[in-house]
Amino acid sequence: MGTSFELVLAGEACDRRKLVAAGEAALEVIRDVEARWSLFLPDSRLALLNRTGHARAIALDADDCELFEVAASVHEASAGAFDPNVARAMDAAGHFAQRGLTPILGHQKGPASATWRFDVHAKTISFSGPGPALDLGGIAKGHALDLAARELQECGVTSALLHGGTSSVVAFGAPPDQEAWLVRCGEVEVPLNGIAIATSRADSQSAEFGTHILNPGSSVKSVGCRNAATVLAPSAALADAWATALCVRPDLSHRAANVLVRQGVTVLSLHEPLHNV
C-alpha cells in the first residue's frame, strides 16, 4: 500500500504484555491485507485478478467481500468518481515509475467498455473482458485499518488509535483522562471514538507527473492540484473511498447528499488537508 502504519494502544501498565501481543496481531492483519491486495506483489490476489480476471472469477472470503462491497457501493453512488480501475492510467502517467514500483497490470487490449464486477451472491470479483487493471490503493489501506481495529477489539483492547500515513485514521475508546481520541484537521480537533476519518489530497505526492488522483471518467485525467476532501465515516474503507470520490468531484457533497447521510458519512472539508495525528 506504499505507506506506514502506526498503532497507539491505551491500557493499564500491568496489561503491557497483552497490549504488545494484540498490537503484533493487528500488524499481522495489515501485512495480510498488503499480501492480498498489493498491486506490486506478483503473487497477490490483486495481481491474479489483473492477470486472469477477464477469464475467470476470483473467489473472495468474508473480509474480501467487505472490501468490495464498499468499493462497489461508493462506485455506484459517486457515478464512477471513485473507481479502482485506474491502475493502467496511473502507470501510463508515470506515477508508479517515479516511485520505483512495477505494477502487475495483466492484459492490456480489450473493449473500452470492459470493467470490474463484484458478485455479492457468488462472492467473486471478475472483469467483463480484458483490459481493466485495479489499483485498490487507499481503500485497501482503510480496509486494513478496519480489520486491524477489529483484531485489537477481539484481543480485548478497549482503546486504540490506528493510522495509515496519517491520511486514514480509525479510533475507538479514549486515551486516559479524555472522552475520545483527537485528530487535528486544519484548525479543528476532531474527536474519534468508533469512527474513522480520511483525507484525499491531489497534491500529497510528487507533482512531477501531475497529481496522483485521477478522474476516471470517459477520458481519464488528473484532477486539479488543489482538490482535497476530508470525511468521517463508520469505517476507514468507506471514509477512504468517499474522500477519493469527493476529491475527484467536490460537487458530490451536494449531488450525493442523501447517500452520504444514509451511509453515515460526514464531509468535514473539501479544501483543508488532514494534518498531524
Protein backbone atom coordinates (compact mmCIF):
# COMPACT_ATOMS: atom_id res chain seq x y z
CA MET A 1 0.00 0.00 0.00
CA GLY A 2 3.07 2.19 -0.07
CA THR A 3 2.63 3.78 3.34
CA SER A 4 3.48 3.33 7.01
CA PHE A 5 1.06 2.26 9.72
CA GLU A 6 1.09 3.18 13.39
CA LEU A 7 -0.96 1.86 16.31
CA VAL A 8 -1.42 3.63 19.64
CA LEU A 9 -2.96 1.40 22.32
CA ALA A 10 -4.12 2.65 25.70
CA GLY A 11 -4.47 0.49 28.81
CA GLU A 12 -3.18 -0.20 32.29
CA ALA A 13 0.57 -0.57 32.75
CA CYS A 14 0.02 -4.11 34.04
CA ASP A 15 -1.54 -5.02 30.69
CA ARG A 16 1.53 -4.04 28.66
CA ARG A 17 2.31 -7.60 27.58
CA LYS A 18 -1.27 -8.13 26.42
CA LEU A 19 -1.27 -4.83 24.53
CA VAL A 20 2.01 -5.66 22.78
CA ALA A 21 0.70 -9.06 21.72
CA ALA A 22 -2.54 -7.51 20.45
CA GLY A 23 -0.60 -4.86 18.54
CA GLU A 24 1.56 -7.51 16.88
CA ALA A 25 -1.56 -9.45 15.88
CA ALA A 26 -3.10 -6.29 14.39
CA LEU A 27 0.06 -5.55 12.41
CA GLU A 28 -0.02 -9.09 11.05
CA VAL A 29 -3.57 -8.43 9.83
CA ILE A 30 -2.30 -5.34 7.99
CA ARG A 31 0.51 -7.38 6.43
CA ASP A 32 -2.04 -9.92 5.23
CA VAL A 33 -4.10 -7.22 3.50
CA GLU A 34 -0.93 -5.99 1.82
CA ALA A 35 -0.09 -9.52 0.67
CA ARG A 36 -3.58 -9.95 -0.75
CA TRP A 37 -4.23 -6.61 -2.43
CA SER A 38 -0.85 -5.12 -3.33
CA LEU A 39 -0.60 -4.04 -6.96
CA PHE A 40 3.12 -4.72 -6.90
CA LEU A 41 3.42 -8.28 -5.50
CA PRO A 42 3.22 -10.85 -8.33
CA ASP A 43 1.65 -13.49 -6.08
CA SER A 44 -1.02 -11.20 -4.57
CA ARG A 45 -4.71 -11.78 -5.12
CA LEU A 46 -4.90 -8.44 -6.93
CA ALA A 47 -2.11 -9.47 -9.31
CA LEU A 48 -4.02 -12.68 -10.03
CA LEU A 49 -7.19 -10.68 -10.68
CA ASN A 50 -5.45 -8.24 -13.02
CA ARG A 51 -3.87 -11.11 -14.97
CA THR A 52 -6.82 -13.52 -15.17
CA GLY A 53 -9.98 -11.65 -14.12
CA HIS A 54 -11.20 -11.49 -17.70
CA ALA A 55 -11.06 -15.28 -17.99
CA ARG A 56 -12.34 -16.44 -14.60
CA ALA A 57 -13.80 -15.05 -11.41
CA ILE A 58 -11.66 -14.83 -8.27
CA ALA A 59 -13.24 -16.26 -5.11
CA LEU A 60 -13.46 -13.93 -2.13
CA ASP A 61 -13.69 -14.62 1.58
CA ALA A 62 -15.81 -12.63 4.02
CA ASP A 63 -13.15 -9.96 4.63
CA ASP A 64 -12.55 -9.53 0.90
CA CYS A 65 -16.29 -9.15 0.34
CA GLU A 66 -16.40 -6.34 2.89
CA LEU A 67 -13.75 -4.51 0.87
CA PHE A 68 -15.53 -4.88 -2.46
CA GLU A 69 -18.97 -4.17 -1.03
CA VAL A 70 -17.67 -0.74 0.00
CA ALA A 71 -15.90 -0.26 -3.34
CA ALA A 72 -19.00 -1.21 -5.34
CA SER A 73 -21.38 0.90 -3.26
CA VAL A 74 -19.27 4.06 -3.48
CA HIS A 75 -18.52 3.47 -7.17
CA GLU A 76 -22.26 3.38 -7.87
CA ALA A 77 -23.25 6.22 -5.55
CA SER A 78 -20.49 8.50 -6.88
CA ALA A 79 -21.38 7.79 -10.54
CA GLY A 80 -17.89 6.41 -11.05
CA ALA A 81 -15.92 9.23 -9.42
CA PHE A 82 -14.49 6.51 -7.22
CA ASP A 83 -13.23 3.70 -9.45
CA PRO A 84 -10.22 1.46 -8.70
CA ASN A 85 -9.91 0.70 -12.43
CA VAL A 86 -7.21 3.35 -12.85
CA ALA A 87 -4.01 1.30 -12.49
CA ARG A 88 -3.25 1.35 -16.20
CA ALA A 89 -3.77 5.12 -16.42
CA MET A 90 -1.65 5.66 -13.30
CA ASP A 91 1.12 3.60 -14.86
CA ALA A 92 0.90 5.45 -18.19
CA ALA A 93 1.17 8.77 -16.35
CA GLY A 94 4.40 7.62 -14.65
CA HIS A 95 3.13 7.63 -11.07
CA PHE A 96 4.49 4.16 -10.30
CA ALA A 97 7.80 4.55 -12.14
CA GLN A 98 8.67 7.70 -10.18
CA ARG A 99 8.46 5.60 -7.00
CA GLY A 100 10.46 2.73 -8.46
CA LEU A 101 7.44 0.40 -8.50
CA THR A 102 6.38 -2.13 -11.11
CA PRO A 103 2.61 -2.77 -11.12
CA ILE A 104 1.00 -6.04 -12.18
CA LEU A 105 -1.46 -4.92 -14.85
CA GLY A 106 -2.33 -8.03 -16.87
CA HIS A 107 -3.85 -7.97 -20.37
CA GLN A 108 -3.87 -4.53 -21.93
CA LYS A 109 -6.02 -4.93 -25.04
CA GLY A 110 -9.77 -5.17 -24.65
CA PRO A 111 -13.03 -3.33 -25.24
CA ALA A 112 -13.23 0.15 -23.76
CA SER A 113 -16.43 -0.90 -22.01
CA ALA A 114 -14.75 -3.72 -20.06
CA THR A 115 -14.97 -3.18 -16.32
CA TRP A 116 -14.82 -4.95 -12.97
CA ARG A 117 -17.76 -6.85 -11.49
CA PHE A 118 -18.33 -7.78 -7.85
CA ASP A 119 -20.88 -10.56 -7.41
CA VAL A 120 -22.11 -10.29 -3.83
CA HIS A 121 -24.08 -13.55 -4.05
CA ALA A 122 -21.36 -15.68 -5.63
CA LYS A 123 -18.70 -13.87 -3.56
CA THR A 124 -16.44 -13.30 -6.55
CA ILE A 125 -14.67 -10.48 -8.37
CA SER A 126 -14.03 -10.57 -12.11
CA PHE A 127 -13.67 -8.48 -15.28
CA SER A 128 -16.23 -8.29 -18.07
CA GLY A 129 -13.37 -8.51 -20.60
CA PRO A 130 -9.60 -7.96 -20.92
CA GLY A 131 -8.25 -4.51 -20.22
CA PRO A 132 -9.17 -3.48 -16.65
CA ALA A 133 -6.45 -3.27 -14.01
CA LEU A 134 -7.40 -2.34 -10.46
CA ASP A 135 -5.39 -0.26 -8.01
CA LEU A 136 -7.08 -0.57 -4.61
CA GLY A 137 -4.64 1.87 -3.02
CA GLY A 138 -6.37 3.97 -0.38
CA ILE A 139 -9.44 1.80 0.10
CA ALA A 140 -7.26 -1.25 0.85
CA LYS A 141 -5.36 0.88 3.37
CA GLY A 142 -8.64 1.78 5.05
CA HIS A 143 -9.77 -1.84 4.90
CA ALA A 144 -6.53 -2.90 6.61
CA LEU A 145 -7.13 -0.38 9.40
CA ASP A 146 -10.70 -1.64 9.88
CA LEU A 147 -9.59 -5.25 10.16
CA ALA A 148 -6.70 -4.34 12.46
CA ALA A 149 -9.05 -2.39 14.74
CA ARG A 150 -11.38 -5.38 14.83
CA GLU A 151 -8.46 -7.65 15.73
CA LEU A 152 -7.47 -5.37 18.59
CA GLN A 153 -11.01 -5.40 19.99
CA GLU A 154 -11.19 -9.19 19.71
CA CYS A 155 -7.93 -9.33 21.68
CA GLY A 156 -9.56 -7.32 24.47
CA VAL A 157 -8.12 -3.87 23.71
CA THR A 158 -10.66 -1.21 24.65
CA SER A 159 -8.89 1.95 23.47
CA ALA A 160 -6.73 2.46 20.40
CA LEU A 161 -5.94 4.78 17.51
CA LEU A 162 -4.62 3.44 14.21
CA HIS A 163 -3.49 5.36 11.15
CA GLY A 164 -2.05 4.69 7.72
CA GLY A 165 0.22 7.51 6.56
CA THR A 166 -1.85 9.92 8.74
CA SER A 167 -4.33 10.28 5.86
CA SER A 168 -6.57 7.48 7.20
CA VAL A 169 -7.33 7.17 10.91
CA VAL A 170 -9.68 4.95 12.89
CA ALA A 171 -10.08 5.01 16.67
CA PHE A 172 -12.19 3.52 19.41
CA GLY A 173 -12.36 4.12 23.14
CA ALA A 174 -10.35 7.04 24.51
CA PRO A 175 -6.88 7.75 25.91
CA PRO A 176 -6.54 8.35 29.67
CA ASP A 177 -8.46 11.35 31.02
CA GLN A 178 -10.12 12.11 27.69
CA GLU A 179 -13.52 11.36 26.21
CA ALA A 180 -12.21 10.48 22.75
CA TRP A 181 -9.10 10.45 20.59
CA LEU A 182 -8.47 13.84 18.97
CA VAL A 183 -7.22 14.30 15.40
CA ARG A 184 -6.36 17.75 14.07
CA CYS A 185 -8.00 18.65 10.77
CA GLY A 186 -6.93 22.12 9.72
CA GLU A 187 -7.60 24.33 12.72
CA VAL A 188 -10.15 21.96 14.23
CA GLU A 189 -9.66 18.98 16.54
CA VAL A 190 -11.99 16.17 15.58
CA PRO A 191 -12.95 13.61 18.28
CA LEU A 192 -12.86 9.99 17.17
CA ASN A 193 -14.47 7.11 19.04
CA GLY A 194 -15.74 4.21 16.96
CA ILE A 195 -15.44 6.20 13.74
CA ALA A 196 -12.86 6.85 11.00
CA ILE A 197 -11.53 9.92 9.23
CA ALA A 198 -9.80 10.06 5.85
CA THR A 199 -8.32 12.75 3.63
CA SER A 200 -7.61 12.61 -0.09
CA ARG A 201 -5.33 15.34 -1.44
CA ALA A 202 -4.36 15.67 -5.08
CA ASP A 203 -1.05 17.30 -4.14
CA SER A 204 0.02 14.79 -1.48
CA GLN A 205 2.60 13.10 -3.74
CA SER A 206 5.16 14.34 -6.24
CA ALA A 207 3.62 16.57 -8.90
CA GLU A 208 6.34 15.72 -11.45
CA PHE A 209 3.84 13.59 -13.37
CA GLY A 210 0.76 15.56 -12.37
CA THR A 211 -1.48 14.89 -9.39
CA HIS A 212 -1.85 11.23 -8.40
CA ILE A 213 -5.66 11.43 -8.07
CA LEU A 214 -7.27 10.65 -11.41
CA ASN A 215 -10.76 11.43 -12.66
CA PRO A 216 -11.83 8.03 -14.05
CA GLY A 217 -14.37 9.47 -16.50
CA SER A 218 -14.55 8.75 -20.21
CA SER A 219 -11.18 10.49 -20.61
CA VAL A 220 -9.01 9.67 -17.60
CA LYS A 221 -7.07 12.72 -16.41
CA SER A 222 -5.59 14.20 -13.26
CA VAL A 223 -7.83 16.29 -11.06
CA GLY A 224 -6.93 19.85 -10.08
CA CYS A 225 -3.86 20.04 -7.86
CA ARG A 226 -5.80 21.98 -5.19
CA ASN A 227 -8.56 19.37 -4.85
CA ALA A 228 -8.87 17.83 -1.38
CA ALA A 229 -11.56 16.23 0.74
CA THR A 230 -11.80 15.06 4.34
CA VAL A 231 -14.66 12.90 5.61
CA LEU A 232 -15.85 11.00 8.66
CA ALA A 233 -17.40 7.55 8.17
CA PRO A 234 -18.27 4.40 10.14
CA SER A 235 -15.28 2.59 8.61
CA ALA A 236 -11.91 3.64 7.27
CA ALA A 237 -12.54 1.87 3.95
CA LEU A 238 -15.74 3.85 3.45
CA ALA A 239 -14.04 7.08 4.50
CA ASP A 240 -11.16 6.49 2.08
CA ALA A 241 -13.45 5.70 -0.84
CA TRP A 242 -15.63 8.78 -0.33
CA ALA A 243 -12.64 11.05 0.29
CA THR A 244 -11.27 9.97 -3.09
CA ALA A 245 -14.63 10.43 -4.83
CA LEU A 246 -15.08 13.90 -3.34
CA CYS A 247 -11.54 14.89 -4.21
CA VAL A 248 -12.34 13.96 -7.82
CA ARG A 249 -15.79 15.59 -7.81
CA PRO A 250 -16.40 18.04 -4.95
CA ASP A 251 -19.96 18.61 -6.23
CA LEU A 252 -20.87 15.14 -4.94
CA SER A 253 -21.17 16.64 -1.46
CA HIS A 254 -24.47 18.06 -2.74
CA ARG A 255 -25.42 15.64 -5.51
CA ALA A 256 -24.95 12.55 -3.34
CA ALA A 257 -26.01 14.15 -0.05
CA ASN A 258 -28.80 11.63 0.59
CA VAL A 259 -26.46 8.68 0.04
CA LEU A 260 -23.81 10.21 2.28
CA VAL A 261 -26.35 10.63 5.06
CA ARG A 262 -27.64 7.08 4.59
CA GLN A 263 -24.11 5.65 4.77
CA GLY A 264 -23.24 7.73 7.82
CA VAL A 265 -20.63 9.85 6.00
CA THR A 266 -19.94 13.44 7.07
CA VAL A 267 -18.00 15.79 4.83
CA LEU A 268 -15.68 17.84 7.03
CA SER A 269 -13.83 19.76 4.36
CA LEU A 270 -13.33 19.94 0.61
CA HIS A 271 -10.16 22.01 0.93
CA GLU A 272 -8.37 21.60 4.26
CA PRO A 273 -5.91 18.66 4.49
CA LEU A 274 -5.59 16.30 7.45
CA HIS A 275 -2.53 17.31 9.44
CA ASN A 276 -0.72 15.75 12.36
CA VAL A 277 -2.31 13.00 14.38
